[in-house]
Amino acid sequence: MTFTWESTFAIALELRRQHPEVDLEEVSLGQIYQWTIQLNEFEDDLALVNDDILYAIYQDWFEENIHGQ
């Protein structure tokens, strides 16, 4: 599976898997960007990202932490 900026939920799940110790209240959008582009499966144009996309990843991750446990 490859990730693109449209794959916010899948990216959130993968970041949650790779960073289980993270306190989401301490995570910045910049950190989410860095972690996302470092994913081996990430294949999209880096210029297409914006704060709305990064925030959507954050929201999906946050929601999964609350409801997905």
N, C-alpha and C. Protein backbone atom coordinates (compact mmCIF):
# COMPACT_ATOMS: atom_id res chain seq x y z
N MET A 1 0.84 -1.18 0.00
CA MET A 1 0.00 0.00 0.00
C MET A 1 0.88 1.24 0.00
N THR A 2 0.53 2.19 -0.83
CA THR A 2 1.24 3.46 -0.82
C THR A 2 0.36 4.53 -0.20
N PHE A 3 1.01 5.50 0.40
CA PHE A 3 0.30 6.62 1.03
C PHE A 3 0.44 7.87 0.16
N THR A 4 -0.64 8.62 0.07
CA THR A 4 -0.63 9.94 -0.55
C THR A 4 -1.26 10.89 0.45
N TRP A 5 -1.23 12.17 0.15
CA TRP A 5 -1.81 13.15 1.07
C TRP A 5 -3.31 12.92 1.28
N GLU A 6 -3.95 12.21 0.36
CA GLU A 6 -5.37 11.91 0.51
C GLU A 6 -5.62 10.76 1.49
N SER A 7 -4.58 10.05 1.86
CA SER A 7 -4.69 8.87 2.74
C SER A 7 -4.55 9.25 4.20
N THR A 8 -5.26 10.27 4.63
CA THR A 8 -5.03 10.79 5.99
C THR A 8 -5.27 9.73 7.07
N PHE A 9 -6.33 8.95 6.94
CA PHE A 9 -6.63 7.94 7.96
C PHE A 9 -5.57 6.85 7.97
N ALA A 10 -5.17 6.37 6.81
CA ALA A 10 -4.14 5.33 6.73
C ALA A 10 -2.80 5.84 7.26
N ILE A 11 -2.48 7.09 6.96
CA ILE A 11 -1.24 7.68 7.49
C ILE A 11 -1.33 7.77 9.00
N ALA A 12 -2.47 8.21 9.51
CA ALA A 12 -2.65 8.32 10.96
C ALA A 12 -2.47 6.97 11.64
N LEU A 13 -3.03 5.93 11.07
CA LEU A 13 -2.88 4.59 11.65
C LEU A 13 -1.42 4.15 11.66
N GLU A 14 -0.71 4.43 10.57
CA GLU A 14 0.70 4.04 10.49
C GLU A 14 1.56 4.85 11.47
N LEU A 15 1.29 6.14 11.57
CA LEU A 15 2.04 6.96 12.53
C LEU A 15 1.75 6.50 13.96
N ARG A 16 0.52 6.16 14.22
CA ARG A 16 0.16 5.65 15.55
C ARG A 16 0.90 4.35 15.84
N ARG A 17 1.02 3.49 14.83
CA ARG A 17 1.73 2.23 15.01
C ARG A 17 3.22 2.47 15.23
N GLN A 18 3.79 3.41 14.49
CA GLN A 18 5.23 3.65 14.58
C GLN A 18 5.63 4.50 15.78
N HIS A 19 4.70 5.27 16.31
CA HIS A 19 5.01 6.18 17.41
C HIS A 19 3.98 6.02 18.55
N PRO A 20 3.92 4.84 19.14
CA PRO A 20 2.88 4.58 20.15
C PRO A 20 3.06 5.39 21.44
N GLU A 21 4.26 5.86 21.69
CA GLU A 21 4.55 6.56 22.92
C GLU A 21 4.25 8.06 22.86
N VAL A 22 3.86 8.54 21.69
CA VAL A 22 3.69 9.97 21.47
C VAL A 22 2.48 10.52 22.22
N ASP A 23 2.70 11.66 22.88
CA ASP A 23 1.61 12.43 23.47
C ASP A 23 1.15 13.41 22.39
N LEU A 24 -0.03 13.19 21.86
CA LEU A 24 -0.50 14.01 20.73
C LEU A 24 -0.62 15.49 21.08
N GLU A 25 -0.76 15.80 22.35
CA GLU A 25 -0.82 17.21 22.73
C GLU A 25 0.53 17.90 22.54
N GLU A 26 1.58 17.11 22.38
CA GLU A 26 2.93 17.65 22.20
C GLU A 26 3.39 17.61 20.75
N VAL A 27 2.59 17.04 19.85
CA VAL A 27 2.99 16.86 18.46
C VAL A 27 2.58 18.09 17.64
N SER A 28 3.52 18.58 16.86
CA SER A 28 3.24 19.72 15.98
C SER A 28 2.89 19.22 14.58
N LEU A 29 2.29 20.10 13.79
CA LEU A 29 2.01 19.75 12.40
C LEU A 29 3.32 19.52 11.64
N GLY A 30 4.35 20.25 12.01
CA GLY A 30 5.66 20.05 11.39
C GLY A 30 6.20 18.65 11.65
N GLN A 31 5.99 18.15 12.87
CA GLN A 31 6.44 16.80 13.19
C GLN A 31 5.64 15.77 12.41
N ILE A 32 4.34 15.97 12.29
CA ILE A 32 3.50 15.07 11.50
C ILE A 32 3.98 15.06 10.05
N TYR A 33 4.31 16.22 9.53
CA TYR A 33 4.83 16.31 8.16
C TYR A 33 6.11 15.48 8.02
N GLN A 34 7.06 15.68 8.92
CA GLN A 34 8.33 14.96 8.85
C GLN A 34 8.12 13.46 8.94
N TRP A 35 7.32 13.02 9.90
CA TRP A 35 7.08 11.58 10.06
C TRP A 35 6.39 11.00 8.83
N THR A 36 5.46 11.77 8.27
CA THR A 36 4.72 11.28 7.10
C THR A 36 5.64 11.10 5.89
N ILE A 37 6.46 12.09 5.60
CA ILE A 37 7.31 11.98 4.41
C ILE A 37 8.42 10.95 4.60
N GLN A 38 8.69 10.56 5.85
CA GLN A 38 9.69 9.53 6.12
C GLN A 38 9.12 8.11 6.01
N LEU A 39 7.82 7.98 5.88
CA LEU A 39 7.22 6.66 5.72
C LEU A 39 7.71 6.04 4.41
N ASN A 40 8.17 4.81 4.47
CA ASN A 40 8.67 4.14 3.26
C ASN A 40 7.62 4.06 2.17
N GLU A 41 6.36 3.96 2.56
CA GLU A 41 5.27 3.78 1.60
C GLU A 41 4.72 5.11 1.08
N PHE A 42 5.27 6.24 1.56
CA PHE A 42 4.73 7.53 1.14
C PHE A 42 5.24 7.89 -0.25
N GLU A 43 4.29 8.16 -1.16
CA GLU A 43 4.63 8.50 -2.54
C GLU A 43 3.70 9.59 -3.04
N ASP A 44 4.03 10.83 -2.74
CA ASP A 44 3.23 11.94 -3.25
C ASP A 44 4.12 13.16 -3.36
N ASP A 45 3.62 14.16 -4.04
CA ASP A 45 4.35 15.40 -4.24
C ASP A 45 4.35 16.18 -2.93
N LEU A 46 5.53 16.49 -2.42
CA LEU A 46 5.63 17.20 -1.15
C LEU A 46 5.03 18.60 -1.23
N ALA A 47 4.99 19.17 -2.41
CA ALA A 47 4.45 20.51 -2.59
C ALA A 47 2.93 20.57 -2.44
N LEU A 48 2.27 19.42 -2.43
CA LEU A 48 0.80 19.40 -2.36
C LEU A 48 0.27 19.50 -0.93
N VAL A 49 1.12 19.39 0.05
CA VAL A 49 0.65 19.40 1.43
C VAL A 49 0.27 20.81 1.87
N ASN A 50 -0.67 20.86 2.80
CA ASN A 50 -1.03 22.12 3.45
C ASN A 50 -1.45 21.80 4.89
N ASP A 51 -1.67 22.85 5.67
CA ASP A 51 -2.02 22.64 7.08
C ASP A 51 -3.31 21.86 7.26
N ASP A 52 -4.26 22.03 6.35
CA ASP A 52 -5.52 21.28 6.46
C ASP A 52 -5.29 19.78 6.37
N ILE A 53 -4.41 19.36 5.48
CA ILE A 53 -4.11 17.93 5.33
C ILE A 53 -3.42 17.42 6.58
N LEU A 54 -2.43 18.17 7.06
CA LEU A 54 -1.70 17.74 8.26
C LEU A 54 -2.63 17.69 9.47
N TYR A 55 -3.53 18.65 9.56
CA TYR A 55 -4.48 18.65 10.66
C TYR A 55 -5.45 17.47 10.55
N ALA A 56 -5.83 17.10 9.34
CA ALA A 56 -6.70 15.93 9.14
C ALA A 56 -6.00 14.66 9.62
N ILE A 57 -4.71 14.53 9.34
CA ILE A 57 -3.94 13.38 9.84
C ILE A 57 -3.95 13.39 11.36
N TYR A 58 -3.69 14.57 11.94
CA TYR A 58 -3.70 14.71 13.39
C TYR A 58 -5.06 14.31 13.96
N GLN A 59 -6.14 14.79 13.38
CA GLN A 59 -7.49 14.49 13.87
C GLN A 59 -7.78 12.99 13.79
N ASP A 60 -7.42 12.38 12.67
CA ASP A 60 -7.64 10.94 12.52
C ASP A 60 -6.86 10.16 13.57
N TRP A 61 -5.63 10.56 13.82
CA TRP A 61 -4.78 9.91 14.82
C TRP A 61 -5.40 10.09 16.21
N PHE A 62 -5.82 11.31 16.52
CA PHE A 62 -6.44 11.61 17.81
C PHE A 62 -7.71 10.78 18.01
N GLU A 63 -8.57 10.75 17.00
CA GLU A 63 -9.82 10.00 17.09
C GLU A 63 -9.54 8.51 17.25
N GLU A 64 -8.56 7.99 16.56
CA GLU A 64 -8.23 6.58 16.67
C GLU A 64 -7.70 6.25 18.07
N ASN A 65 -6.96 7.17 18.66
CA ASN A 65 -6.49 6.96 20.03
C ASN A 65 -7.65 6.89 21.01
N ILE A 66 -8.67 7.68 20.76
CA ILE A 66 -9.83 7.68 21.66
C ILE A 66 -10.72 6.47 21.43
N HIS A 67 -11.04 6.19 20.16
CA HIS A 67 -12.03 5.17 19.84
C HIS A 67 -11.46 3.84 19.39
N GLY A 68 -10.19 3.83 19.00
CA GLY A 68 -9.62 2.62 18.43
C GLY A 68 -8.89 1.72 19.38
N GLN A 69 -8.89 2.06 20.66
CA GLN A 69 -8.14 1.26 21.61
C GLN A 69 -8.85 0.05 21.98
